[in-house]
């Protein structure tokens, strides 16, 4: 079972930036979209609808999000035992 310290990840603003990129990047690449192509909310909605209705894009986004969630510093797909004990995101990597 995948054990992730969600409480700490949700407190880290970089988590949200990376999550958005993990979702938006595959959609943008698949449809060949540039930022200047999305000039209205109706266009954003149309692209989102196309993405949700396309099984390939959905699977690609799921894989992208899954790879974003995995901590590459640990074996497997779970956070380390030490990371599971954190209450806040670690501020300084040089201190244990």
PDB file of N, CA and C in Angstrom:
ATOM      1  N   UNK A   1       0.839  -1.183   0.000  1.00  0.00           N
ATOM      2  CA  UNK A   1       0.000   0.000   0.000  1.00  0.00           C
ATOM      3  C   UNK A   1       0.885   1.248   0.000  1.00  0.00           C
ATOM      4  N   UNK A   2       0.484   2.240  -0.740  1.00  0.00           N
ATOM      5  CA  UNK A   2       1.250   3.480  -0.852  1.00  0.00           C
ATOM      6  C   UNK A   2       0.984   4.364   0.367  1.00  0.00           C
ATOM      7  N   UNK A   3       2.051   4.657   1.120  1.00  0.00           N
ATOM      8  CA  UNK A   3       1.931   5.532   2.288  1.00  0.00           C
ATOM      9  C   UNK A   3       2.578   6.866   1.953  1.00  0.00           C
ATOM     10  N   UNK A   4       1.768   7.912   1.965  1.00  0.00           N
ATOM     11  CA  UNK A   4       2.244   9.254   1.672  1.00  0.00           C
ATOM     12  C   UNK A   4       1.786  10.180   2.790  1.00  0.00           C
ATOM     13  N   UNK A   5       2.671  11.038   3.232  1.00  0.00           N
ATOM     14  CA  UNK A   5       2.343  12.007   4.267  1.00  0.00           C
ATOM     15  C   UNK A   5       1.618  13.185   3.614  1.00  0.00           C
ATOM     16  N   UNK A   6       0.329  12.994   3.364  1.00  0.00           N
ATOM     17  CA  UNK A   6      -0.469  13.999   2.660  1.00  0.00           C
ATOM     18  C   UNK A   6      -0.528  15.317   3.419  1.00  0.00           C
ATOM     19  N   UNK A   7      -0.599  15.230   4.760  1.00  0.00           N
ATOM     20  CA  UNK A   7      -0.714  16.433   5.578  1.00  0.00           C
ATOM     21  C   UNK A   7       0.444  17.390   5.295  1.00  0.00           C
ATOM     22  N   UNK A   8       1.647  16.871   5.212  1.00  0.00           N
ATOM     23  CA  UNK A   8       2.816  17.701   4.968  1.00  0.00           C
ATOM     24  C   UNK A   8       2.858  18.157   3.511  1.00  0.00           C
ATOM     25  N   UNK A   9       2.540  17.275   2.594  1.00  0.00           N
ATOM     26  CA  UNK A   9       2.572  17.662   1.178  1.00  0.00           C
ATOM     27  C   UNK A   9       1.585  18.795   0.899  1.00  0.00           C
ATOM     28  N   UNK A  10       0.411  18.744   1.512  1.00  0.00           N
ATOM     29  CA  UNK A  10      -0.585  19.789   1.284  1.00  0.00           C
ATOM     30  C   UNK A  10      -0.149  21.137   1.856  1.00  0.00           C
ATOM     31  N   UNK A  11       0.787  21.141   2.797  1.00  0.00           N
ATOM     32  CA  UNK A  11       1.286  22.394   3.376  1.00  0.00           C
ATOM     33  C   UNK A  11       2.380  23.025   2.523  1.00  0.00           C
ATOM     34  N   UNK A  12       2.874  22.307   1.542  1.00  0.00           N
ATOM     35  CA  UNK A  12       3.971  22.800   0.706  1.00  0.00           C
ATOM     36  C   UNK A  12       3.400  23.406  -0.575  1.00  0.00           C
ATOM     37  N   UNK A  13       3.593  24.713  -0.812  1.00  0.00           N
ATOM     38  CA  UNK A  13       3.020  25.335  -2.008  1.00  0.00           C
ATOM     39  C   UNK A  13       3.582  24.759  -3.314  1.00  0.00           C
ATOM     40  N   UNK A  14       4.799  24.245  -3.280  1.00  0.00           N
ATOM     41  CA  UNK A  14       5.375  23.648  -4.487  1.00  0.00           C
ATOM     42  C   UNK A  14       4.641  22.374  -4.895  1.00  0.00           C
ATOM     43  N   UNK A  15       3.993  21.732  -3.942  1.00  0.00           N
ATOM     44  CA  UNK A  15       3.185  20.551  -4.241  1.00  0.00           C
ATOM     45  C   UNK A  15       2.093  20.912  -5.245  1.00  0.00           C
ATOM     46  N   UNK A  16       1.429  22.031  -5.017  1.00  0.00           N
ATOM     47  CA  UNK A  16       0.330  22.436  -5.890  1.00  0.00           C
ATOM     48  C   UNK A  16       0.822  22.847  -7.275  1.00  0.00           C
ATOM     49  N   UNK A  17       1.950  23.532  -7.322  1.00  0.00           N
ATOM     50  CA  UNK A  17       2.522  23.933  -8.614  1.00  0.00           C
ATOM     51  C   UNK A  17       2.877  22.689  -9.426  1.00  0.00           C
ATOM     52  N   UNK A  18       3.544  21.738  -8.789  1.00  0.00           N
ATOM     53  CA  UNK A  18       3.946  20.511  -9.491  1.00  0.00           C
ATOM     54  C   UNK A  18       2.731  19.678  -9.896  1.00  0.00           C
ATOM     55  N   UNK A  19       1.699  19.637  -9.050  1.00  0.00           N
ATOM     56  CA  UNK A  19       0.488  18.883  -9.387  1.00  0.00           C
ATOM     57  C   UNK A  19      -0.203  19.491 -10.605  1.00  0.00           C
ATOM     58  N   UNK A  20      -0.306  20.799 -10.631  1.00  0.00           N
ATOM     59  CA  UNK A  20      -0.931  21.468 -11.785  1.00  0.00           C
ATOM     60  C   UNK A  20      -0.138  21.194 -13.054  1.00  0.00           C
ATOM     61  N   UNK A  21       1.178  21.278 -12.965  1.00  0.00           N
ATOM     62  CA  UNK A  21       2.011  20.990 -14.136  1.00  0.00           C
ATOM     63  C   UNK A  21       1.903  19.537 -14.578  1.00  0.00           C
ATOM     64  N   UNK A  22       1.777  18.614 -13.607  1.00  0.00           N
ATOM     65  CA  UNK A  22       1.632  17.193 -13.940  1.00  0.00           C
ATOM     66  C   UNK A  22       0.331  16.931 -14.692  1.00  0.00           C
ATOM     67  N   UNK A  23      -0.667  17.768 -14.485  1.00  0.00           N
ATOM     68  CA  UNK A  23      -1.955  17.613 -15.186  1.00  0.00           C
ATOM     69  C   UNK A  23      -1.962  18.400 -16.493  1.00  0.00           C
ATOM     70  N   UNK A  24      -1.517  19.645 -16.442  1.00  0.00           N
ATOM     71  CA  UNK A  24      -1.621  20.540 -17.596  1.00  0.00           C
ATOM     72  C   UNK A  24      -0.619  20.194 -18.708  1.00  0.00           C
ATOM     73  N   UNK A  25       0.592  19.824 -18.337  1.00  0.00           N
ATOM     74  CA  UNK A  25       1.627  19.578 -19.352  1.00  0.00           C
ATOM     75  C   UNK A  25       1.249  18.477 -20.344  1.00  0.00           C
ATOM     76  N   UNK A  26       0.798  17.298 -19.892  1.00  0.00           N
ATOM     77  CA  UNK A  26       0.433  16.271 -20.876  1.00  0.00           C
ATOM     78  C   UNK A  26      -0.733  16.689 -21.774  1.00  0.00           C
ATOM     79  N   UNK A  27      -1.681  17.416 -21.213  1.00  0.00           N
ATOM     80  CA  UNK A  27      -2.829  17.883 -22.003  1.00  0.00           C
ATOM     81  C   UNK A  27      -2.349  18.875 -23.059  1.00  0.00           C
ATOM     82  N   UNK A  28      -1.526  19.827 -22.643  1.00  0.00           N
ATOM     83  CA  UNK A  28      -1.010  20.818 -23.579  1.00  0.00           C
ATOM     84  C   UNK A  28      -0.171  20.211 -24.679  1.00  0.00           C
ATOM     85  N   UNK A  29       0.660  19.243 -24.321  1.00  0.00           N
ATOM     86  CA  UNK A  29       1.503  18.596 -25.328  1.00  0.00           C
ATOM     87  C   UNK A  29       0.654  17.801 -26.311  1.00  0.00           C
ATOM     88  N   UNK A  30      -0.310  17.050 -25.801  1.00  0.00           N
ATOM     89  CA  UNK A  30      -1.135  16.222 -26.685  1.00  0.00           C
ATOM     90  C   UNK A  30      -1.897  17.074 -27.703  1.00  0.00           C
ATOM     91  N   UNK A  31      -2.488  18.162 -27.226  1.00  0.00           N
ATOM     92  CA  UNK A  31      -3.296  19.003 -28.116  1.00  0.00           C
ATOM     93  C   UNK A  31      -2.474  20.090 -28.804  1.00  0.00           C
ATOM     94  N   UNK A  32      -1.194  20.184 -28.514  1.00  0.00           N
ATOM     95  CA  UNK A  32      -0.339  21.190 -29.140  1.00  0.00           C
ATOM     96  C   UNK A  32      -0.737  22.603 -28.769  1.00  0.00           C
ATOM     97  N   UNK A  33      -1.071  22.806 -27.515  1.00  0.00           N
ATOM     98  CA  UNK A  33      -1.585  24.102 -27.062  1.00  0.00           C
ATOM     99  C   UNK A  33      -0.457  24.957 -26.497  1.00  0.00           C
ATOM    100  N   UNK A  34      -0.471  26.212 -26.858  1.00  0.00           N
ATOM    101  CA  UNK A  34       0.404  27.227 -26.263  1.00  0.00           C
ATOM    102  C   UNK A  34      -0.430  28.056 -25.306  1.00  0.00           C
ATOM    103  N   UNK A  35       0.230  28.760 -24.407  1.00  0.00           N
ATOM    104  CA  UNK A  35      -0.489  29.593 -23.438  1.00  0.00           C
ATOM    105  C   UNK A  35      -1.365  30.630 -24.130  1.00  0.00           C
ATOM    106  N   UNK A  36      -0.910  31.167 -25.266  1.00  0.00           N
ATOM    107  CA  UNK A  36      -1.695  32.197 -25.942  1.00  0.00           C
ATOM    108  C   UNK A  36      -2.913  31.622 -26.675  1.00  0.00           C
ATOM    109  N   UNK A  37      -3.034  30.290 -26.733  1.00  0.00           N
ATOM    110  CA  UNK A  37      -4.228  29.667 -27.320  1.00  0.00           C
ATOM    111  C   UNK A  37      -5.408  29.691 -26.350  1.00  0.00           C
ATOM    112  N   UNK A  38      -5.126  29.849 -25.064  1.00  0.00           N
ATOM    113  CA  UNK A  38      -6.176  29.807 -24.043  1.00  0.00           C
ATOM    114  C   UNK A  38      -6.498  31.221 -23.576  1.00  0.00           C
ATOM    115  N   UNK A  39      -7.265  31.918 -24.399  1.00  0.00           N
ATOM    116  CA  UNK A  39      -7.548  33.327 -24.121  1.00  0.00           C
ATOM    117  C   UNK A  39      -8.900  33.574 -23.470  1.00  0.00           C
ATOM    118  N   UNK A  40      -9.664  32.503 -23.236  1.00  0.00           N
ATOM    119  CA  UNK A  40     -10.949  32.659 -22.556  1.00  0.00           C
ATOM    120  C   UNK A  40     -11.239  31.402 -21.744  1.00  0.00           C
ATOM    121  N   UNK A  41     -12.101  31.558 -20.752  1.00  0.00           N
ATOM    122  CA  UNK A  41     -12.456  30.412 -19.916  1.00  0.00           C
ATOM    123  C   UNK A  41     -13.232  29.368 -20.710  1.00  0.00           C
ATOM    124  N   UNK A  42     -13.965  29.798 -21.734  1.00  0.00           N
ATOM    125  CA  UNK A  42     -14.692  28.828 -22.550  1.00  0.00           C
ATOM    126  C   UNK A  42     -13.710  27.950 -23.337  1.00  0.00           C
ATOM    127  N   UNK A  43     -12.588  28.533 -23.769  1.00  0.00           N
ATOM    128  CA  UNK A  43     -11.573  27.740 -24.462  1.00  0.00           C
ATOM    129  C   UNK A  43     -10.910  26.748 -23.502  1.00  0.00           C
ATOM    130  N   UNK A  44     -10.636  27.202 -22.277  1.00  0.00           N
ATOM    131  CA  UNK A  44     -10.060  26.310 -21.266  1.00  0.00           C
ATOM    132  C   UNK A  44     -11.025  25.162 -20.986  1.00  0.00           C
ATOM    133  N   UNK A  45     -12.305  25.479 -20.852  1.00  0.00           N
ATOM    134  CA  UNK A  45     -13.314  24.448 -20.617  1.00  0.00           C
ATOM    135  C   UNK A  45     -13.417  23.464 -21.767  1.00  0.00           C
ATOM    136  N   UNK A  46     -13.335  23.958 -22.999  1.00  0.00           N
ATOM    137  CA  UNK A  46     -13.410  23.080 -24.173  1.00  0.00           C
ATOM    138  C   UNK A  46     -12.226  22.124 -24.218  1.00  0.00           C
ATOM    139  N   UNK A  47     -11.046  22.625 -23.908  1.00  0.00           N
ATOM    140  CA  UNK A  47      -9.850  21.765 -23.894  1.00  0.00           C
ATOM    141  C   UNK A  47      -9.961  20.740 -22.768  1.00  0.00           C
ATOM    142  N   UNK A  48     -10.421  21.165 -21.600  1.00  0.00           N
ATOM    143  CA  UNK A  48     -10.589  20.241 -20.475  1.00  0.00           C
ATOM    144  C   UNK A  48     -11.585  19.140 -20.831  1.00  0.00           C
ATOM    145  N   UNK A  49     -12.678  19.507 -21.480  1.00  0.00           N
ATOM    146  CA  UNK A  49     -13.672  18.511 -21.883  1.00  0.00           C
ATOM    147  C   UNK A  49     -13.080  17.529 -22.890  1.00  0.00           C
ATOM    148  N   UNK A  50     -12.350  18.033 -23.879  1.00  0.00           N
ATOM    149  CA  UNK A  50     -11.704  17.153 -24.862  1.00  0.00           C
ATOM    150  C   UNK A  50     -10.729  16.204 -24.173  1.00  0.00           C
ATOM    151  N   UNK A  51      -9.984  16.720 -23.203  1.00  0.00           N
ATOM    152  CA  UNK A  51      -9.001  15.899 -22.494  1.00  0.00           C
ATOM    153  C   UNK A  51      -9.682  14.793 -21.693  1.00  0.00           C
ATOM    154  N   UNK A  52     -10.769  15.136 -21.005  1.00  0.00           N
ATOM    155  CA  UNK A  52     -11.482  14.157 -20.175  1.00  0.00           C
ATOM    156  C   UNK A  52     -12.130  13.077 -21.035  1.00  0.00           C
ATOM    157  N   UNK A  53     -12.551  13.425 -22.223  1.00  0.00           N
ATOM    158  CA  UNK A  53     -13.208  12.454 -23.112  1.00  0.00           C
ATOM    159  C   UNK A  53     -12.222  11.606 -23.907  1.00  0.00           C
ATOM    160  N   UNK A  54     -10.934  11.895 -23.797  1.00  0.00           N
ATOM    161  CA  UNK A  54      -9.920  11.168 -24.548  1.00  0.00           C
ATOM    162  C   UNK A  54      -9.200  10.194 -23.608  1.00  0.00           C
ATOM    163  N   UNK A  55      -9.423   8.880 -23.767  1.00  0.00           N
ATOM    164  CA  UNK A  55      -8.813   7.912 -22.844  1.00  0.00           C
ATOM    165  C   UNK A  55      -7.290   7.978 -22.806  1.00  0.00           C
ATOM    166  N   UNK A  56      -6.665   8.225 -23.941  1.00  0.00           N
ATOM    167  CA  UNK A  56      -5.208   8.309 -23.977  1.00  0.00           C
ATOM    168  C   UNK A  56      -4.712   9.461 -23.110  1.00  0.00           C
ATOM    169  N   UNK A  57      -5.351  10.603 -23.211  1.00  0.00           N
ATOM    170  CA  UNK A  57      -4.947  11.776 -22.424  1.00  0.00           C
ATOM    171  C   UNK A  57      -5.187  11.517 -20.942  1.00  0.00           C
ATOM    172  N   UNK A  58      -6.312  10.901 -20.607  1.00  0.00           N
ATOM    173  CA  UNK A  58      -6.612  10.596 -19.202  1.00  0.00           C
ATOM    174  C   UNK A  58      -5.534   9.678 -18.620  1.00  0.00           C
ATOM    175  N   UNK A  59      -5.167   8.631 -19.341  1.00  0.00           N
ATOM    176  CA  UNK A  59      -4.133   7.708 -18.857  1.00  0.00           C
ATOM    177  C   UNK A  59      -2.794   8.431 -18.739  1.00  0.00           C
ATOM    178  N   UNK A  60      -2.475   9.267 -19.700  1.00  0.00           N
ATOM    179  CA  UNK A  60      -1.227  10.022 -19.660  1.00  0.00           C
ATOM    180  C   UNK A  60      -1.184  10.944 -18.441  1.00  0.00           C
ATOM    181  N   UNK A  61      -2.277  11.598 -18.135  1.00  0.00           N
ATOM    182  CA  UNK A  61      -2.342  12.473 -16.960  1.00  0.00           C
ATOM    183  C   UNK A  61      -2.210  11.644 -15.681  1.00  0.00           C
ATOM    184  N   UNK A  62      -2.859  10.500 -15.617  1.00  0.00           N
ATOM    185  CA  UNK A  62      -2.758   9.628 -14.434  1.00  0.00           C
ATOM    186  C   UNK A  62      -1.315   9.196 -14.216  1.00  0.00           C
ATOM    187  N   UNK A  63      -0.635   8.788 -15.272  1.00  0.00           N
ATOM    188  CA  UNK A  63       0.770   8.385 -15.165  1.00  0.00           C
ATOM    189  C   UNK A  63       1.628   9.572 -14.730  1.00  0.00           C
ATOM    190  N   UNK A  64       1.369  10.732 -15.290  1.00  0.00           N
ATOM    191  CA  UNK A  64       2.124  11.930 -14.931  1.00  0.00           C
ATOM    192  C   UNK A  64       1.948  12.271 -13.453  1.00  0.00           C
ATOM    193  N   UNK A  65       0.724  12.220 -12.965  1.00  0.00           N
ATOM    194  CA  UNK A  65       0.458  12.517 -11.554  1.00  0.00           C
ATOM    195  C   UNK A  65       1.090  11.447 -10.663  1.00  0.00           C
ATOM    196  N   UNK A  66       1.001  10.191 -11.060  1.00  0.00           N
ATOM    197  CA  UNK A  66       1.588   9.107 -10.265  1.00  0.00           C
ATOM    198  C   UNK A  66       3.102   9.269 -10.149  1.00  0.00           C
ATOM    199  N   UNK A  67       3.762   9.607 -11.247  1.00  0.00           N
ATOM    200  CA  UNK A  67       5.210   9.784 -11.185  1.00  0.00           C
ATOM    201  C   UNK A  67       5.588  11.021 -10.386  1.00  0.00           C
ATOM    202  N   UNK A  68       4.739  12.013 -10.369  1.00  0.00           N
ATOM    203  CA  UNK A  68       4.979  13.210  -9.555  1.00  0.00           C
ATOM    204  C   UNK A  68       4.858  12.884  -8.066  1.00  0.00           C
ATOM    205  N   UNK A  69       3.949  11.995  -7.698  1.00  0.00           N
ATOM    206  CA  UNK A  69       3.719  11.674  -6.288  1.00  0.00           C
ATOM    207  C   UNK A  69       4.806  10.804  -5.678  1.00  0.00           C
ATOM    208  N   UNK A  70       5.483  10.006  -6.484  1.00  0.00           N
ATOM    209  CA  UNK A  70       6.488   9.078  -5.966  1.00  0.00           C
ATOM    210  C   UNK A  70       7.716   9.847  -5.506  1.00  0.00           C
ATOM    211  N   UNK A  71       8.176   9.538  -4.300  1.00  0.00           N
ATOM    212  CA  UNK A  71       9.393  10.138  -3.764  1.00  0.00           C
ATOM    213  C   UNK A  71      10.581   9.374  -4.341  1.00  0.00           C
ATOM    214  N   UNK A  72      11.380  10.005  -5.197  1.00  0.00           N
ATOM    215  CA  UNK A  72      12.476   9.290  -5.841  1.00  0.00           C
ATOM    216  C   UNK A  72      13.625   8.944  -4.895  1.00  0.00           C
ATOM    217  N   UNK A  73      13.590   9.458  -3.667  1.00  0.00           N
ATOM    218  CA  UNK A  73      14.669   9.173  -2.725  1.00  0.00           C
ATOM    219  C   UNK A  73      14.412   7.925  -1.896  1.00  0.00           C
ATOM    220  N   UNK A  74      13.272   7.275  -2.115  1.00  0.00           N
ATOM    221  CA  UNK A  74      12.949   6.073  -1.354  1.00  0.00           C
ATOM    222  C   UNK A  74      12.717   4.902  -2.299  1.00  0.00           C
ATOM    223  N   UNK A  75      12.869   3.705  -1.750  1.00  0.00           N
ATOM    224  CA  UNK A  75      12.597   2.501  -2.524  1.00  0.00           C
ATOM    225  C   UNK A  75      11.077   2.308  -2.565  1.00  0.00           C
ATOM    226  N   UNK A  76      10.559   1.963  -3.716  1.00  0.00           N
ATOM    227  CA  UNK A  76       9.120   1.763  -3.842  1.00  0.00           C
ATOM    228  C   UNK A  76       8.392   3.071  -4.101  1.00  0.00           C
ATOM    229  N   UNK A  77       7.120   3.094  -3.725  1.00  0.00           N
ATOM    230  CA  UNK A  77       6.295   4.262  -4.038  1.00  0.00           C
ATOM    231  C   UNK A  77       5.822   5.026  -2.805  1.00  0.00           C
ATOM    232  N   UNK A  78       6.267   4.609  -1.624  1.00  0.00           N
ATOM    233  CA  UNK A  78       5.842   5.263  -0.390  1.00  0.00           C
ATOM    234  C   UNK A  78       6.889   6.260   0.088  1.00  0.00           C
ATOM    235  N   UNK A  79       6.452   7.187   0.942  1.00  0.00           N
ATOM    236  CA  UNK A  79       7.383   8.081   1.612  1.00  0.00           C
ATOM    237  C   UNK A  79       8.198   7.279   2.626  1.00  0.00           C
ATOM    238  N   UNK A  80       9.369   7.781   2.986  1.00  0.00           N
ATOM    239  CA  UNK A  80      10.202   7.112   3.983  1.00  0.00           C
ATOM    240  C   UNK A  80       9.528   7.175   5.350  1.00  0.00           C
ATOM    241  N   UNK A  81       9.976   6.311   6.257  1.00  0.00           N
ATOM    242  CA  UNK A  81       9.432   6.340   7.626  1.00  0.00           C
ATOM    243  C   UNK A  81       9.685   7.692   8.273  1.00  0.00           C
ATOM    244  N   UNK A  82      10.867   8.275   8.017  1.00  0.00           N
ATOM    245  CA  UNK A  82      11.179   9.592   8.572  1.00  0.00           C
ATOM    246  C   UNK A  82      10.227  10.645   8.016  1.00  0.00           C
ATOM    247  N   UNK A  83       9.975  10.624   6.714  1.00  0.00           N
ATOM    248  CA  UNK A  83       9.065  11.602   6.105  1.00  0.00           C
ATOM    249  C   UNK A  83       7.640  11.442   6.625  1.00  0.00           C
ATOM    250  N   UNK A  84       7.269  10.232   6.981  1.00  0.00           N
ATOM    251  CA  UNK A  84       5.922  10.006   7.506  1.00  0.00           C
ATOM    252  C   UNK A  84       5.752  10.642   8.886  1.00  0.00           C
ATOM    253  N   UNK A  85       6.865  10.904   9.579  1.00  0.00           N
ATOM    254  CA  UNK A  85       6.791  11.511  10.921  1.00  0.00           C
ATOM    255  C   UNK A  85       6.805  13.036  10.884  1.00  0.00           C
ATOM    256  N   UNK A  86       7.043  13.644   9.737  1.00  0.00           N
ATOM    257  CA  UNK A  86       7.076  15.106   9.644  1.00  0.00           C
ATOM    258  C   UNK A  86       5.684  15.683   9.893  1.00  0.00           C
ATOM    259  N   UNK A  87       5.669  16.858  10.534  1.00  0.00           N
ATOM    260  CA  UNK A  87       4.421  17.603  10.708  1.00  0.00           C
ATOM    261  C   UNK A  87       4.370  18.809   9.780  1.00  0.00           C
ATOM    262  N   UNK A  88       5.539  19.253   9.328  1.00  0.00           N
ATOM    263  CA  UNK A  88       5.683  20.385   8.421  1.00  0.00           C
ATOM    264  C   UNK A  88       6.685  19.986   7.342  1.00  0.00           C
ATOM    265  N   UNK A  89       6.626  20.627   6.175  1.00  0.00           N
ATOM    266  CA  UNK A  89       7.661  20.353   5.174  1.00  0.00           C
ATOM    267  C   UNK A  89       9.041  20.676   5.750  1.00  0.00           C
ATOM    268  N   UNK A  90      10.007  19.833   5.450  1.00  0.00           N
ATOM    269  CA  UNK A  90      11.366  20.038   5.954  1.00  0.00           C
ATOM    270  C   UNK A  90      11.944  21.298   5.330  1.00  0.00           C
ATOM    271  N   UNK A  91      12.502  22.188   6.163  1.00  0.00           N
ATOM    272  CA  UNK A  91      12.985  23.488   5.678  1.00  0.00           C
ATOM    273  C   UNK A  91      14.445  23.466   5.260  1.00  0.00           C
ATOM    274  N   UNK A  92      15.278  22.658   5.929  1.00  0.00           N
ATOM    275  CA  UNK A  92      16.704  22.669   5.638  1.00  0.00           C
ATOM    276  C   UNK A  92      17.190  21.224   5.508  1.00  0.00           C
ATOM    277  N   UNK A  93      17.611  20.844   4.305  1.00  0.00           N
ATOM    278  CA  UNK A  93      18.040  19.472   4.064  1.00  0.00           C
ATOM    279  C   UNK A  93      19.357  19.127   4.717  1.00  0.00           C
ATOM    280  N   UNK A  94      20.127  20.121   5.166  1.00  0.00           N
ATOM    281  CA  UNK A  94      21.435  19.833   5.746  1.00  0.00           C
ATOM    282  C   UNK A  94      21.326  19.369   7.200  1.00  0.00           C
ATOM    283  N   UNK A  95      20.182  19.553   7.828  1.00  0.00           N
ATOM    284  CA  UNK A  95      19.989  19.147   9.214  1.00  0.00           C
ATOM    285  C   UNK A  95      19.101  17.916   9.290  1.00  0.00           C
ATOM    286  N   UNK A  96      19.496  16.968  10.128  1.00  0.00           N
ATOM    287  CA  UNK A  96      18.692  15.756  10.275  1.00  0.00           C
ATOM    288  C   UNK A  96      17.944  15.889  11.547  1.00  0.00           C
TER     289      UNK A  96
END
